[in-house]
Protein backbone atom coordinates (compact mmCIF):
# COMPACT_ATOMS: atom_id res chain seq x y z
CA UNK A 1 90.51 23.57 -84.39
CA UNK A 2 88.50 26.78 -84.15
CA UNK A 3 90.14 29.53 -86.20
CA UNK A 4 87.57 32.26 -85.45
CA UNK A 5 89.64 35.33 -84.48
CA UNK A 6 86.78 36.60 -82.31
CA UNK A 7 87.56 33.80 -79.83
CA UNK A 8 91.23 34.84 -79.56
CA UNK A 9 91.97 37.36 -76.78
CA UNK A 10 93.18 40.68 -78.19
CA UNK A 11 95.62 43.13 -76.69
CA UNK A 12 96.67 46.67 -77.64
CA UNK A 13 100.33 46.87 -78.66
CA UNK A 14 102.45 49.85 -79.68
CA UNK A 15 103.70 49.37 -83.25
CA UNK A 16 104.98 52.72 -84.57
CA UNK A 17 106.39 55.97 -83.19
CA UNK A 18 106.30 58.80 -85.72
CA UNK A 19 108.29 61.99 -86.07
CA UNK A 20 105.77 63.96 -88.12
CA UNK A 21 106.73 66.91 -90.32
CA UNK A 22 103.69 69.22 -90.43
CA UNK A 23 105.11 72.04 -92.58
CA UNK A 24 106.65 75.45 -91.83
CA UNK A 25 109.87 73.69 -90.73
CA UNK A 26 108.00 72.13 -87.80
CA UNK A 27 108.29 68.52 -86.61
CA UNK A 28 106.09 67.05 -83.87
CA UNK A 29 107.31 64.00 -82.00
CA UNK A 30 106.04 60.96 -80.13
CA UNK A 31 103.02 60.23 -82.32
CA UNK A 32 102.39 56.67 -81.14
CA UNK A 33 100.31 54.22 -83.18
CA UNK A 34 98.93 51.22 -81.27
CA UNK A 35 97.27 48.21 -82.90
CA UNK A 36 95.06 45.43 -81.59
CA UNK A 37 96.78 42.07 -81.99
CA UNK A 38 95.98 38.56 -80.87
CA UNK A 39 97.76 37.54 -77.69
CA UNK A 40 99.20 34.47 -79.42
CA UNK A 41 101.02 36.68 -81.98
CA UNK A 42 103.66 37.62 -79.45
CA UNK A 43 105.22 41.05 -78.87
CA UNK A 44 105.50 43.59 -81.72
CA UNK A 45 108.83 45.20 -82.58
CA UNK A 46 108.28 48.94 -82.23
CA UNK A 47 109.53 50.97 -85.22
CA UNK A 48 110.56 54.63 -85.22
CA UNK A 49 109.50 56.20 -88.52
CA UNK A 50 109.61 59.50 -90.33
CA UNK A 51 106.30 60.88 -91.56
CA UNK A 52 104.99 63.92 -93.39
CA UNK A 53 101.55 65.51 -93.70
CA UNK A 54 100.70 65.58 -97.40
CA UNK A 55 97.03 66.54 -97.51
CA UNK A 56 93.75 67.28 -95.76
CA UNK A 57 90.70 65.48 -97.18
CA UNK A 58 87.04 64.76 -96.49
CA UNK A 59 87.13 61.28 -94.97
CA UNK A 60 83.52 60.68 -96.05
CA UNK A 61 84.35 61.22 -99.74
CA UNK A 62 87.17 58.78 -100.36
CA UNK A 63 87.40 57.37 -103.91
CA UNK A 64 85.88 53.92 -104.34
CA UNK A 65 89.30 52.48 -105.20
CA UNK A 66 90.81 53.27 -101.79
CA UNK A 67 91.22 50.10 -99.73
CA UNK A 68 91.66 50.46 -95.99
CA UNK A 69 94.21 48.29 -94.23
CA UNK A 70 95.26 47.84 -90.63
CA UNK A 71 93.89 50.27 -88.07
CA UNK A 72 95.73 52.04 -85.24
CA UNK A 73 94.83 54.04 -82.16
CA UNK A 74 96.82 57.24 -81.81
CA UNK A 75 98.41 58.30 -78.50
CA UNK A 76 101.09 60.75 -77.43
CA UNK A 77 102.84 62.06 -74.34
CA UNK A 78 103.74 65.30 -76.14
CA UNK A 79 101.54 68.30 -75.40
CA UNK A 80 102.58 69.86 -78.72
CA UNK A 81 101.49 66.78 -80.68
CA UNK A 82 98.23 66.57 -78.71
CA UNK A 83 97.40 70.21 -79.43
CA UNK A 84 98.24 69.81 -83.13
CA UNK A 85 95.85 66.88 -83.64
CA UNK A 86 93.22 68.58 -81.49
CA UNK A 87 93.36 71.70 -83.67
CA UNK A 88 93.38 69.79 -86.97
CA UNK A 89 90.88 66.99 -86.35
CA UNK A 90 88.92 67.41 -83.11
CA UNK A 91 86.96 70.60 -83.70
CA UNK A 92 83.24 70.33 -84.41
CA UNK A 93 83.54 71.85 -87.88
CA UNK A 94 86.14 69.18 -88.73
CA UNK A 95 83.88 66.20 -88.04
CA UNK A 96 84.53 64.64 -91.48
CA UNK A 97 88.10 65.82 -91.88
CA UNK A 98 90.89 63.36 -92.52
CA UNK A 99 94.63 63.96 -92.65
CA UNK A 100 96.78 61.91 -95.02
CA UNK A 101 100.39 61.30 -93.99
CA UNK A 102 103.22 59.63 -95.86
CA UNK A 103 105.11 57.27 -93.55
CA UNK A 104 108.54 55.90 -94.43
CA UNK A 105 109.84 52.63 -92.98
CA UNK A 106 106.61 51.40 -91.39
CA UNK A 107 106.89 47.98 -93.01
CA UNK A 108 109.50 45.37 -92.28
CA UNK A 109 110.47 44.97 -95.94
CA UNK A 110 112.81 47.91 -96.26
CA UNK A 111 113.16 51.20 -94.43
CA UNK A 112 112.63 53.20 -97.63
CA UNK A 113 109.21 51.73 -98.37
CA UNK A 114 106.35 54.22 -98.14
CA UNK A 115 102.81 53.80 -96.84
CA UNK A 116 99.99 56.32 -96.60
CA UNK A 117 98.09 56.66 -93.33
CA UNK A 118 94.72 58.38 -92.95
CA UNK A 119 94.19 60.04 -89.55
CA UNK A 120 90.65 60.88 -88.43
CA UNK A 121 88.58 61.22 -85.28
CA UNK A 122 86.19 58.55 -84.03
CA UNK A 123 83.56 58.58 -81.31
CA UNK A 124 84.17 55.85 -78.77
CA UNK A 125 81.10 53.77 -78.01
CA UNK A 126 81.96 52.91 -74.43
CA UNK A 127 80.56 54.67 -71.37
CA UNK A 128 82.97 57.59 -71.73
CA UNK A 129 81.65 58.44 -75.22
CA UNK A 130 84.60 60.67 -76.08
CA UNK A 131 86.39 61.30 -79.36
CA UNK A 132 89.78 59.80 -80.06
CA UNK A 133 92.20 59.84 -82.99
CA UNK A 134 92.56 56.74 -85.13
CA UNK A 135 94.50 56.00 -88.29
CA UNK A 136 94.17 53.46 -91.03
CA UNK A 137 96.58 52.42 -93.76
CA UNK A 138 95.49 53.28 -97.30
CA UNK A 139 96.11 50.51 -99.83
CA UNK A 140 96.28 51.26 -103.55
CA UNK A 141 96.07 47.71 -104.91
CA UNK A 142 92.63 48.25 -106.45
CA UNK A 143 93.76 51.57 -107.90
CA UNK A 144 96.85 50.04 -109.49
CA UNK A 145 94.78 47.20 -110.91
CA UNK A 146 92.41 49.72 -112.51
CA UNK A 147 95.34 51.73 -113.83
CA UNK A 148 96.76 48.59 -115.41
CA UNK A 149 93.53 48.07 -117.33
CA UNK A 150 92.59 51.67 -118.13
CA UNK A 151 95.96 53.13 -119.13
CA UNK A 152 96.37 50.85 -122.20
CA UNK A 153 92.81 51.71 -123.27
CA UNK A 154 93.45 55.44 -122.88
CA UNK A 155 96.70 55.16 -124.83
CA UNK A 156 94.98 53.21 -127.62
CA UNK A 157 92.35 55.91 -128.10
CA UNK A 158 94.96 58.59 -128.83
CA UNK A 159 96.90 59.25 -131.99
CA UNK A 160 100.41 60.62 -131.37
CA UNK A 161 99.58 62.76 -128.33
CA UNK A 162 101.96 65.60 -127.43
CA UNK A 163 104.69 64.60 -124.99
CA UNK A 164 103.46 66.70 -122.07
CA UNK A 165 99.85 65.62 -122.61
CA UNK A 166 100.86 61.97 -122.79
CA UNK A 167 102.71 62.17 -119.51
CA UNK A 168 99.91 63.98 -117.67
CA UNK A 169 97.60 61.52 -115.88
CA UNK A 170 93.97 61.56 -117.00
CA UNK A 171 91.15 62.36 -114.59
CA UNK A 172 90.12 58.72 -114.45
CA UNK A 173 93.58 57.33 -113.80
CA UNK A 174 95.42 59.82 -111.61
CA UNK A 175 97.11 58.06 -108.72
CA UNK A 176 96.78 59.12 -105.12
CA UNK A 177 100.46 60.04 -105.15
CA UNK A 178 99.80 62.57 -107.93
CA UNK A 179 96.75 64.02 -106.18
CA UNK A 180 98.50 64.38 -102.84
CA UNK A 181 101.62 65.87 -104.41
CA UNK A 182 99.45 68.43 -106.20
CA UNK A 183 97.73 69.32 -102.92
CA UNK A 184 101.12 69.63 -101.25
CA UNK A 185 102.40 72.02 -103.93
CA UNK A 186 99.24 74.12 -103.60
CA UNK A 187 99.76 74.32 -99.83
CA UNK A 188 103.37 75.38 -100.36
CA UNK A 189 102.31 78.12 -102.80
CA UNK A 190 99.67 79.41 -100.37
CA UNK A 191 102.18 79.30 -97.53
CA UNK A 192 104.81 81.17 -99.55
CA UNK A 193 102.25 83.79 -100.54
CA UNK A 194 101.21 84.24 -96.91
CA UNK A 195 104.83 84.52 -95.76
CA UNK A 196 105.49 87.09 -98.47
CA UNK A 197 102.53 89.18 -97.32
CA UNK A 198 103.67 88.98 -93.69
CA UNK A 199 107.14 90.23 -94.65
CA UNK A 200 105.66 93.09 -96.69
CA UNK A 201 103.41 94.11 -93.80
CA UNK A 202 106.34 94.04 -91.37
CA UNK A 203 108.44 96.16 -93.72
CA UNK A 204 105.65 98.70 -94.16
CA UNK A 205 105.19 99.04 -90.39
CA UNK A 206 108.93 99.62 -89.99
CA UNK A 207 108.93 102.12 -92.86
CA UNK A 208 106.00 104.09 -91.40
CA UNK A 209 107.68 104.22 -87.98
CA UNK A 210 111.02 105.47 -89.35
CA UNK A 211 109.33 107.92 -91.72
CA UNK A 212 107.26 109.44 -88.91
CA UNK A 213 110.36 109.87 -86.73
CA UNK A 214 112.28 111.58 -89.54
CA UNK A 215 109.44 113.97 -90.41
CA UNK A 216 108.77 115.01 -86.80
CA UNK A 217 112.49 115.46 -86.15
CA UNK A 218 112.89 117.58 -89.29
CA UNK A 219 109.93 119.78 -88.39
CA UNK A 220 111.23 120.39 -84.86
CA UNK A 221 114.74 121.27 -86.08
CA UNK A 222 113.29 123.86 -88.45
CA UNK A 223 111.11 125.43 -85.77
CA UNK A 224 107.96 125.01 -87.85
CA UNK A 225 104.95 126.68 -86.18
CA UNK A 226 102.48 124.27 -84.59
CA UNK A 227 99.72 125.53 -86.89
CA UNK A 228 101.61 124.22 -89.94
CA UNK A 229 102.68 120.89 -88.43
CA UNK A 230 99.76 118.79 -89.62
CA UNK A 231 99.75 120.12 -93.19
CA UNK A 232 103.52 119.75 -93.66
CA UNK A 233 103.51 116.32 -92.02
CA UNK A 234 100.83 114.98 -94.37
CA UNK A 235 102.47 116.48 -97.47
CA UNK A 236 105.88 115.05 -96.58
CA UNK A 237 104.44 111.66 -95.62
CA UNK A 238 102.49 111.22 -98.86
CA UNK A 239 105.40 112.41 -101.02
CA UNK A 240 107.84 110.06 -99.24
CA UNK A 241 105.45 107.15 -99.57
CA UNK A 242 105.16 107.83 -103.29
CA UNK A 243 108.95 108.09 -103.64
CA UNK A 244 109.40 104.62 -102.10
CA UNK A 245 106.39 103.01 -103.83
CA UNK A 246 108.53 100.44 -105.68
CA UNK A 247 110.66 99.56 -102.64
CA UNK A 248 107.51 98.95 -100.57
CA UNK A 249 106.55 96.16 -102.98
CA UNK A 250 109.77 94.29 -102.12
CA UNK A 251 110.71 92.47 -98.92
CA UNK A 252 114.15 94.08 -98.64
CA UNK A 253 114.16 96.60 -95.75
CA UNK A 254 114.45 100.30 -96.60
CA UNK A 255 117.44 101.90 -94.87
CA UNK A 256 117.06 104.72 -92.34
CA UNK A 257 119.53 106.91 -94.24
CA UNK A 258 117.49 106.65 -97.45
CA UNK A 259 114.31 107.69 -95.65
CA UNK A 260 116.07 110.55 -93.86
CA UNK A 261 117.61 111.88 -97.10
CA UNK A 262 114.21 111.81 -98.81
CA UNK A 263 112.50 113.63 -95.91
CA UNK A 264 115.23 116.28 -95.71
CA UNK A 265 114.98 116.95 -99.45
CA UNK A 266 111.21 117.35 -99.24
CA UNK A 267 111.28 119.58 -96.15
CA UNK A 268 113.89 121.86 -97.73
CA UNK A 269 111.59 122.16 -100.73
CA UNK A 270 108.40 122.72 -98.71
CA UNK A 271 109.87 125.12 -96.11
CA UNK A 272 112.53 126.76 -98.35
CA UNK A 273 115.17 126.22 -95.67
């Protein structure tokens, strides 16, 4: 009997539907993964799985110990999901970019089992010659085999290492889980820093708007001559900004009453009213 799989007709079957967490409290839906299977395998049971983006990598610079497993074609009926993958993987400057996702429950042996999928773009070779998104499963069997041989050697070359140093993986033996988790933490730190800066900028804009209103109102109530407006405005503005210099470094909003009290105190001093 001929067992050559090239002689067996193949068909494209949907295998997984992902709900993908992409960060910033955002989940995209209907990320469908389809796989080519032999017609004699029968229908595939479609699984709904949770997934999470854990890192962006250069797909052309994968470590030698990464083994690639089954391959999928990626489809979606969601415009949001389509636009996300288009922005992350389909731009010209991203031609070698890959996106690693952690998928839970993709295998039949337990819904809590985790696999890592690498998403990337590929140029179709048919007449259409267009790019499409594919994914492949990343296997770590070679990596774990190397760890099993190298870790005892590394431990034998050390004499009573400190506890934290002993627990830290060496450069040669760090697992992909450790690398991806580190990348994830770095992304979270960058995201938190960016969010902090956005909040500070918003607070400063609000502060400037309220401060300007209070100064102009105070000048009008005192009947300050137009010729002195600009000088008094600048003096009061700079003094108020200095008075709230510490509060402007925090994300807590500065109350209108506090700004008004400060402006009134300064204008009474400057105009002797």
